[in-house]
Amino acid sequence: MTHTIAFVGDIHGHAQALDDVLSKLGADVRTVVFLGDYVNRGPDSKGVLERLLALQSGPREIVLLSGNHDRQLERVLVDDAALNDFLRMGGAATIRSYVGPPYRNVLSQLRGAVPTSHRQLLASMVDTWETEEVVATHNAEEAPRGDNRFVVAGHDLQTGLLPVIRDHTALIDTGCGTMSGGRLTALLWPSLEWVQSDQV
């Protein structure tokens, strides 16, 4: 049986969409490569990271790429100056997923609420994943240049809410947590078929 790789686009705090997409992956999917941006904007960033942790002890190979939103969460946990940028990126939703009212010093509250396991998960994320045929990265602009491998990336919002698949690239950020009606997309390799969550 051919082993299928699933590439999963930007989740942005939507644990329900993540569950939905995972339920649609067939038994032939042996490797799942997540393209980053797990947090911010959506209602349950904490729940998304919990699910990703749980998946690592499951039967599939799980690869976690780091997105710009994930890197900003890492920064805000150690650098006070990062808070404004984090909030501009939809970080208030992430804070609310970890911290309940009353809100006093939310930065201190967030740092106290994010467990070590989540910090370690963020720190373990990588920038790219590649084989002889395909390269996965959060941002297509950061993909290696000068070779003919197929590139799969998130980050660039596809406003039509469908993945854009060209000869050498697939862009699969389809608005989960970002646009009204947005969905989470998983692209299957090598078939280039795809599945999506229900509307979030």
Foldseek 3Di string as FASTA:
>chain_A
DAAKEKEWAAAAFPLVLVVQQVVPDDPSHQEYEYAENLHFLYQASVNSLVVLVVCVPDRHHYAYAYDPLLVLVLCLLPPVVSVVVNVVRRNVSVLCNQDDDPDDPSSVSSNVRQDPSSNVVSVPHHAWDDDPAEIEGADPVPDDPDDQHAYEYEDDEDDVLQWDDDPRYIYFQRQNSRDQQHWMKMAMPPVRDIDIGGGD
